[in-house]
Amino acid sequence: MPVEGEPLPRQIYARYAEFLDSDRRRGGDALELGHDWRDGDERYRVCWYAGTGELTCERLTGEEESNLEDFHRGVAGPVEILAHVPTRERLEELLGHWPNIAPNQPRTLRWLRGVLRELSALEATDATRRA
């Protein structure tokens, strides 16, 4: 069982529809943590799905304007599950309160993956100490 916030083995869905269809809990509440995350020239949004606890990055289409009324529009895929975080409270403990996640950091997937690796290492150390 992974430690909370632990990066998962890479789990990638080629298409957003495939990601949603593979677990019906993903169709419910999702918290978007921004649609301005970058990986090179590609633009991503980062979301946390309450039903599964999955923290994901989802590649967006080239449209610069996002449609805030339609959560599903503009997601091209792939979708990568970055980590499992069981509650919103825990997510905010790990990354901060939205919209102030990474206010002084580059909003890149590289930075986010690094934070998740560091948190995973710290939590694993804490778990070992408690055992």
N, C-alpha and C. Protein backbone atom coordinates (compact mmCIF):
# COMPACT_ATOMS: atom_id res chain seq x y z
N MET A 1 0.85 -1.18 0.00
CA MET A 1 0.00 0.00 0.00
C MET A 1 0.90 1.24 0.00
N PRO A 2 0.64 2.19 -0.91
CA PRO A 2 1.51 3.36 -0.98
C PRO A 2 1.32 4.29 0.20
N VAL A 3 2.38 5.00 0.53
CA VAL A 3 2.32 6.05 1.55
C VAL A 3 1.52 7.20 0.95
N GLU A 4 0.75 7.91 1.79
CA GLU A 4 -0.02 9.06 1.29
C GLU A 4 0.91 10.03 0.58
N GLY A 5 0.48 10.48 -0.59
CA GLY A 5 1.27 11.44 -1.35
C GLY A 5 2.40 10.79 -2.12
N GLU A 6 2.54 9.49 -1.98
CA GLU A 6 3.62 8.79 -2.66
C GLU A 6 3.36 8.75 -4.16
N PRO A 7 4.36 9.10 -4.94
CA PRO A 7 4.19 8.96 -6.38
C PRO A 7 3.94 7.48 -6.71
N LEU A 8 2.99 7.24 -7.55
CA LEU A 8 2.64 5.88 -7.93
C LEU A 8 3.50 5.43 -9.09
N PRO A 9 3.60 4.10 -9.30
CA PRO A 9 4.24 3.66 -10.54
C PRO A 9 3.50 4.33 -11.69
N ARG A 10 4.21 4.72 -12.71
CA ARG A 10 3.58 5.50 -13.79
C ARG A 10 2.35 4.79 -14.33
N GLN A 11 1.24 5.46 -14.22
CA GLN A 11 -0.02 4.97 -14.76
C GLN A 11 -0.56 6.06 -15.67
N ILE A 12 -0.56 5.76 -16.97
CA ILE A 12 -0.90 6.77 -17.96
C ILE A 12 -2.02 6.24 -18.85
N TYR A 13 -3.00 7.09 -19.07
CA TYR A 13 -4.10 6.80 -20.00
C TYR A 13 -3.89 7.67 -21.23
N ALA A 14 -3.98 7.08 -22.40
CA ALA A 14 -3.73 7.81 -23.64
C ALA A 14 -4.77 8.90 -23.88
N ARG A 15 -6.01 8.62 -23.51
CA ARG A 15 -7.09 9.58 -23.76
C ARG A 15 -7.85 9.87 -22.47
N TYR A 16 -8.35 11.07 -22.36
CA TYR A 16 -9.12 11.49 -21.19
C TYR A 16 -10.37 10.62 -21.03
N ALA A 17 -11.05 10.31 -22.13
CA ALA A 17 -12.26 9.47 -22.07
C ALA A 17 -11.92 8.09 -21.50
N GLU A 18 -10.79 7.54 -21.88
CA GLU A 18 -10.35 6.24 -21.36
C GLU A 18 -10.13 6.31 -19.85
N PHE A 19 -9.52 7.39 -19.39
CA PHE A 19 -9.29 7.60 -17.97
C PHE A 19 -10.63 7.63 -17.22
N LEU A 20 -11.57 8.44 -17.69
CA LEU A 20 -12.87 8.55 -17.03
C LEU A 20 -13.63 7.24 -17.05
N ASP A 21 -13.63 6.56 -18.19
CA ASP A 21 -14.40 5.33 -18.35
C ASP A 21 -13.87 4.17 -17.52
N SER A 22 -12.60 4.20 -17.15
CA SER A 22 -12.02 3.06 -16.43
C SER A 22 -12.38 3.02 -14.95
N ASP A 23 -12.96 4.10 -14.41
CA ASP A 23 -13.39 4.11 -13.01
C ASP A 23 -14.49 5.15 -12.86
N ARG A 24 -15.70 4.72 -12.62
CA ARG A 24 -16.85 5.64 -12.60
C ARG A 24 -16.74 6.69 -11.50
N ARG A 25 -15.93 6.43 -10.47
CA ARG A 25 -15.77 7.42 -9.39
C ARG A 25 -15.08 8.69 -9.87
N ARG A 26 -14.40 8.61 -11.00
CA ARG A 26 -13.71 9.78 -11.55
C ARG A 26 -14.67 10.80 -12.16
N GLY A 27 -15.89 10.41 -12.39
CA GLY A 27 -16.87 11.32 -12.97
C GLY A 27 -17.48 12.26 -11.95
N GLY A 28 -17.18 12.06 -10.67
CA GLY A 28 -17.75 12.89 -9.61
C GLY A 28 -16.91 14.11 -9.33
N ASP A 29 -16.81 14.42 -8.06
CA ASP A 29 -16.11 15.64 -7.65
C ASP A 29 -14.63 15.60 -8.00
N ALA A 30 -14.19 16.67 -8.66
CA ALA A 30 -12.77 16.85 -8.97
C ALA A 30 -12.41 18.28 -8.64
N LEU A 31 -11.25 18.45 -8.07
CA LEU A 31 -10.73 19.77 -7.73
C LEU A 31 -9.60 20.10 -8.70
N GLU A 32 -9.80 21.13 -9.51
CA GLU A 32 -8.75 21.54 -10.43
C GLU A 32 -7.76 22.42 -9.69
N LEU A 33 -6.49 22.08 -9.80
CA LEU A 33 -5.42 22.83 -9.14
C LEU A 33 -4.68 23.72 -10.13
N GLY A 34 -5.37 24.07 -11.17
CA GLY A 34 -4.80 24.97 -12.16
C GLY A 34 -4.68 24.33 -13.52
N HIS A 35 -4.87 25.13 -14.55
CA HIS A 35 -4.71 24.64 -15.92
C HIS A 35 -3.55 25.37 -16.61
N ASP A 36 -2.59 25.76 -15.80
CA ASP A 36 -1.43 26.49 -16.34
C ASP A 36 -0.11 25.80 -15.99
N TRP A 37 -0.16 24.51 -15.77
CA TRP A 37 1.06 23.75 -15.50
C TRP A 37 1.73 23.44 -16.83
N ARG A 38 3.05 23.44 -16.84
CA ARG A 38 3.81 23.25 -18.08
C ARG A 38 4.75 22.06 -17.97
N ASP A 39 4.95 21.45 -19.10
CA ASP A 39 5.99 20.44 -19.28
C ASP A 39 6.55 20.71 -20.67
N GLY A 40 7.66 21.42 -20.71
CA GLY A 40 8.16 21.89 -22.00
C GLY A 40 7.16 22.88 -22.58
N ASP A 41 6.79 22.66 -23.82
CA ASP A 41 5.83 23.54 -24.48
C ASP A 41 4.38 23.10 -24.26
N GLU A 42 4.18 21.95 -23.65
CA GLU A 42 2.83 21.43 -23.45
C GLU A 42 2.20 22.04 -22.20
N ARG A 43 0.89 22.24 -22.27
CA ARG A 43 0.13 22.81 -21.15
C ARG A 43 -0.73 21.72 -20.53
N TYR A 44 -0.76 21.70 -19.19
CA TYR A 44 -1.50 20.68 -18.44
C TYR A 44 -2.36 21.33 -17.38
N ARG A 45 -3.36 20.58 -16.96
CA ARG A 45 -4.05 20.94 -15.74
C ARG A 45 -3.75 19.83 -14.74
N VAL A 46 -3.76 20.19 -13.48
CA VAL A 46 -3.56 19.22 -12.40
C VAL A 46 -4.87 19.17 -11.63
N CYS A 47 -5.35 17.95 -11.39
CA CYS A 47 -6.63 17.76 -10.70
C CYS A 47 -6.49 16.71 -9.62
N TRP A 48 -7.34 16.84 -8.63
CA TRP A 48 -7.46 15.82 -7.59
C TRP A 48 -8.89 15.33 -7.62
N TYR A 49 -9.06 14.00 -7.72
CA TYR A 49 -10.38 13.37 -7.81
C TYR A 49 -10.75 12.82 -6.43
N ALA A 50 -11.79 13.39 -5.84
CA ALA A 50 -12.20 13.02 -4.48
C ALA A 50 -12.58 11.56 -4.37
N GLY A 51 -13.25 11.01 -5.37
CA GLY A 51 -13.74 9.63 -5.30
C GLY A 51 -12.64 8.59 -5.29
N THR A 52 -11.50 8.91 -5.86
CA THR A 52 -10.40 7.94 -5.94
C THR A 52 -9.16 8.39 -5.18
N GLY A 53 -9.08 9.68 -4.86
CA GLY A 53 -7.88 10.21 -4.21
C GLY A 53 -6.73 10.41 -5.18
N GLU A 54 -7.01 10.34 -6.48
CA GLU A 54 -5.94 10.44 -7.48
C GLU A 54 -5.60 11.90 -7.78
N LEU A 55 -4.33 12.19 -7.78
CA LEU A 55 -3.80 13.47 -8.22
C LEU A 55 -3.27 13.25 -9.63
N THR A 56 -3.81 13.98 -10.59
CA THR A 56 -3.48 13.72 -11.98
C THR A 56 -2.93 14.96 -12.68
N CYS A 57 -2.22 14.71 -13.78
CA CYS A 57 -1.90 15.78 -14.72
C CYS A 57 -2.53 15.35 -16.04
N GLU A 58 -3.18 16.31 -16.69
CA GLU A 58 -3.95 16.04 -17.90
C GLU A 58 -3.55 17.04 -18.97
N ARG A 59 -3.02 16.52 -20.08
CA ARG A 59 -2.56 17.43 -21.15
C ARG A 59 -3.76 18.08 -21.80
N LEU A 60 -3.65 19.40 -21.98
CA LEU A 60 -4.73 20.17 -22.58
C LEU A 60 -4.49 20.36 -24.07
N THR A 61 -5.56 20.69 -24.77
CA THR A 61 -5.43 21.00 -26.19
C THR A 61 -4.71 22.33 -26.32
N GLY A 62 -4.45 22.75 -27.52
CA GLY A 62 -3.75 23.99 -27.76
C GLY A 62 -4.56 25.24 -27.47
N GLU A 63 -5.84 25.09 -27.17
CA GLU A 63 -6.69 26.25 -26.89
C GLU A 63 -6.19 26.95 -25.64
N GLU A 64 -5.82 28.22 -25.75
CA GLU A 64 -5.35 28.95 -24.58
C GLU A 64 -6.47 29.30 -23.62
N GLU A 65 -7.66 29.54 -24.16
CA GLU A 65 -8.79 29.88 -23.30
C GLU A 65 -9.40 28.59 -22.77
N SER A 66 -9.61 28.54 -21.48
CA SER A 66 -10.26 27.36 -20.94
C SER A 66 -11.73 27.68 -20.75
N ASN A 67 -12.53 26.64 -20.85
CA ASN A 67 -13.96 26.80 -20.68
C ASN A 67 -14.31 26.39 -19.25
N LEU A 68 -14.49 27.36 -18.39
CA LEU A 68 -14.73 27.07 -16.98
C LEU A 68 -16.10 26.46 -16.74
N GLU A 69 -17.00 26.60 -17.71
CA GLU A 69 -18.33 26.02 -17.54
C GLU A 69 -18.36 24.54 -17.88
N ASP A 70 -17.41 24.06 -18.66
CA ASP A 70 -17.36 22.65 -19.06
C ASP A 70 -16.02 22.08 -18.63
N PHE A 71 -16.02 21.40 -17.49
CA PHE A 71 -14.80 20.86 -16.90
C PHE A 71 -14.06 19.92 -17.85
N HIS A 72 -14.81 19.18 -18.67
CA HIS A 72 -14.21 18.14 -19.50
C HIS A 72 -13.70 18.65 -20.85
N ARG A 73 -14.10 19.84 -21.25
CA ARG A 73 -13.69 20.36 -22.55
C ARG A 73 -12.23 20.80 -22.53
N GLY A 74 -11.54 20.49 -23.58
CA GLY A 74 -10.17 20.96 -23.73
C GLY A 74 -9.11 20.02 -23.21
N VAL A 75 -9.49 18.85 -22.69
CA VAL A 75 -8.50 17.88 -22.22
C VAL A 75 -8.23 16.90 -23.35
N ALA A 76 -7.01 16.86 -23.81
CA ALA A 76 -6.65 16.01 -24.93
C ALA A 76 -6.14 14.64 -24.47
N GLY A 77 -5.41 14.61 -23.37
CA GLY A 77 -4.72 13.42 -22.96
C GLY A 77 -3.30 13.49 -23.50
N PRO A 78 -2.41 12.77 -22.97
CA PRO A 78 -2.64 11.72 -21.98
C PRO A 78 -2.96 12.27 -20.59
N VAL A 79 -3.45 11.35 -19.76
CA VAL A 79 -3.72 11.62 -18.35
C VAL A 79 -2.80 10.73 -17.54
N GLU A 80 -2.04 11.32 -16.64
CA GLU A 80 -1.13 10.55 -15.79
C GLU A 80 -1.56 10.69 -14.34
N ILE A 81 -1.64 9.57 -13.65
CA ILE A 81 -1.91 9.60 -12.21
C ILE A 81 -0.57 9.79 -11.51
N LEU A 82 -0.44 10.91 -10.81
CA LEU A 82 0.83 11.28 -10.18
C LEU A 82 0.99 10.70 -8.78
N ALA A 83 -0.11 10.68 -8.02
CA ALA A 83 -0.03 10.25 -6.62
C ALA A 83 -1.44 9.93 -6.12
N HIS A 84 -1.49 9.29 -4.99
CA HIS A 84 -2.76 9.02 -4.31
C HIS A 84 -2.75 9.83 -3.01
N VAL A 85 -3.75 10.68 -2.86
CA VAL A 85 -3.90 11.51 -1.67
C VAL A 85 -5.35 11.33 -1.22
N PRO A 86 -5.59 10.67 -0.10
CA PRO A 86 -6.95 10.23 0.23
C PRO A 86 -7.98 11.32 0.53
N THR A 87 -7.57 12.48 1.04
CA THR A 87 -8.55 13.51 1.40
C THR A 87 -8.07 14.88 0.91
N ARG A 88 -9.04 15.78 0.77
CA ARG A 88 -8.69 17.15 0.38
C ARG A 88 -7.85 17.82 1.47
N GLU A 89 -8.17 17.52 2.71
CA GLU A 89 -7.38 18.10 3.81
C GLU A 89 -5.92 17.68 3.70
N ARG A 90 -5.70 16.41 3.40
CA ARG A 90 -4.32 15.92 3.26
C ARG A 90 -3.65 16.55 2.05
N LEU A 91 -4.39 16.71 0.97
CA LEU A 91 -3.86 17.35 -0.23
C LEU A 91 -3.38 18.76 0.10
N GLU A 92 -4.19 19.49 0.86
CA GLU A 92 -3.82 20.86 1.21
C GLU A 92 -2.66 20.90 2.19
N GLU A 93 -2.54 19.90 3.05
CA GLU A 93 -1.36 19.81 3.92
C GLU A 93 -0.10 19.60 3.09
N LEU A 94 -0.21 18.79 2.05
CA LEU A 94 0.95 18.45 1.23
C LEU A 94 1.36 19.57 0.28
N LEU A 95 0.37 20.18 -0.36
CA LEU A 95 0.68 21.12 -1.45
C LEU A 95 0.26 22.56 -1.18
N GLY A 96 -0.52 22.80 -0.15
CA GLY A 96 -1.01 24.14 0.11
C GLY A 96 -2.47 24.27 -0.27
N HIS A 97 -3.04 25.39 0.08
CA HIS A 97 -4.45 25.63 -0.20
C HIS A 97 -4.63 26.29 -1.56
N TRP A 98 -5.53 25.76 -2.35
CA TRP A 98 -5.84 26.34 -3.64
C TRP A 98 -6.51 27.69 -3.40
N PRO A 99 -6.16 28.76 -4.08
CA PRO A 99 -5.34 28.81 -5.29
C PRO A 99 -3.87 29.14 -5.04
N ASN A 100 -3.40 28.98 -3.83
CA ASN A 100 -2.02 29.38 -3.50
C ASN A 100 -1.02 28.24 -3.57
N ILE A 101 -1.26 27.26 -4.40
CA ILE A 101 -0.29 26.19 -4.58
C ILE A 101 0.87 26.73 -5.39
N ALA A 102 2.05 26.57 -4.85
CA ALA A 102 3.29 26.97 -5.54
C ALA A 102 3.29 28.41 -5.99
N PRO A 103 2.94 29.37 -5.12
CA PRO A 103 2.87 30.76 -5.57
C PRO A 103 4.22 31.32 -6.01
N ASN A 104 5.31 30.82 -5.46
CA ASN A 104 6.64 31.34 -5.80
C ASN A 104 7.48 30.33 -6.55
N GLN A 105 6.84 29.33 -7.11
CA GLN A 105 7.54 28.27 -7.83
C GLN A 105 7.07 28.25 -9.28
N PRO A 106 7.93 27.74 -10.16
CA PRO A 106 7.45 27.57 -11.54
C PRO A 106 6.39 26.48 -11.53
N ARG A 107 5.30 26.71 -12.18
CA ARG A 107 4.22 25.72 -12.20
C ARG A 107 4.53 24.72 -13.31
N THR A 108 5.51 23.86 -13.00
CA THR A 108 5.91 22.83 -13.96
C THR A 108 5.66 21.46 -13.36
N LEU A 109 5.43 20.50 -14.24
CA LEU A 109 5.25 19.13 -13.76
C LEU A 109 6.54 18.61 -13.14
N ARG A 110 7.67 19.07 -13.62
CA ARG A 110 8.95 18.65 -13.04
C ARG A 110 9.01 19.07 -11.56
N TRP A 111 8.63 20.32 -11.27
CA TRP A 111 8.61 20.80 -9.89
C TRP A 111 7.64 19.97 -9.05
N LEU A 112 6.42 19.74 -9.56
CA LEU A 112 5.41 18.99 -8.82
C LEU A 112 5.87 17.56 -8.54
N ARG A 113 6.44 16.90 -9.54
CA ARG A 113 6.94 15.53 -9.32
C ARG A 113 8.05 15.52 -8.27
N GLY A 114 8.91 16.52 -8.27
CA GLY A 114 9.97 16.62 -7.27
C GLY A 114 9.41 16.77 -5.87
N VAL A 115 8.39 17.62 -5.71
CA VAL A 115 7.74 17.80 -4.42
C VAL A 115 7.13 16.48 -3.95
N LEU A 116 6.46 15.77 -4.85
CA LEU A 116 5.83 14.50 -4.47
C LEU A 116 6.88 13.46 -4.06
N ARG A 117 8.03 13.44 -4.75
CA ARG A 117 9.10 12.51 -4.36
C ARG A 117 9.64 12.85 -2.97
N GLU A 118 9.86 14.14 -2.71
CA GLU A 118 10.36 14.57 -1.40
C GLU A 118 9.37 14.22 -0.30
N LEU A 119 8.09 14.48 -0.53
CA LEU A 119 7.07 14.18 0.47
C LEU A 119 6.99 12.68 0.73
N SER A 120 7.10 11.89 -0.33
CA SER A 120 7.06 10.45 -0.19
C SER A 120 8.21 9.95 0.67
N ALA A 121 9.39 10.49 0.43
CA ALA A 121 10.57 10.09 1.22
C ALA A 121 10.39 10.47 2.68
N LEU A 122 9.88 11.68 2.94
CA LEU A 122 9.66 12.13 4.33
C LEU A 122 8.62 11.26 5.03
N GLU A 123 7.54 10.98 4.36
CA GLU A 123 6.48 10.18 4.97
C GLU A 123 6.93 8.74 5.20
N ALA A 124 7.73 8.19 4.30
CA ALA A 124 8.24 6.84 4.48
C ALA A 124 9.16 6.80 5.71
N THR A 125 9.99 7.83 5.87
CA THR A 125 10.87 7.91 7.03
C THR A 125 10.05 8.01 8.32
N ASP A 126 9.02 8.86 8.31
CA ASP A 126 8.15 8.99 9.48
C ASP A 126 7.44 7.68 9.82
N ALA A 127 6.99 6.96 8.79
CA ALA A 127 6.31 5.68 9.01
C ALA A 127 7.25 4.66 9.63
N THR A 128 8.52 4.68 9.18
CA THR A 128 9.52 3.76 9.73
C THR A 128 9.77 4.08 11.20
N ARG A 129 9.85 5.35 11.52
CA ARG A 129 10.09 5.75 12.92
C ARG A 129 8.94 5.34 13.83
N ARG A 130 7.71 5.41 13.30
CA ARG A 130 6.54 5.05 14.11
C ARG A 130 6.43 3.54 14.33
N ALA A 131 7.03 2.76 13.45
CA ALA A 131 6.91 1.29 13.51
C ALA A 131 7.75 0.69 14.60
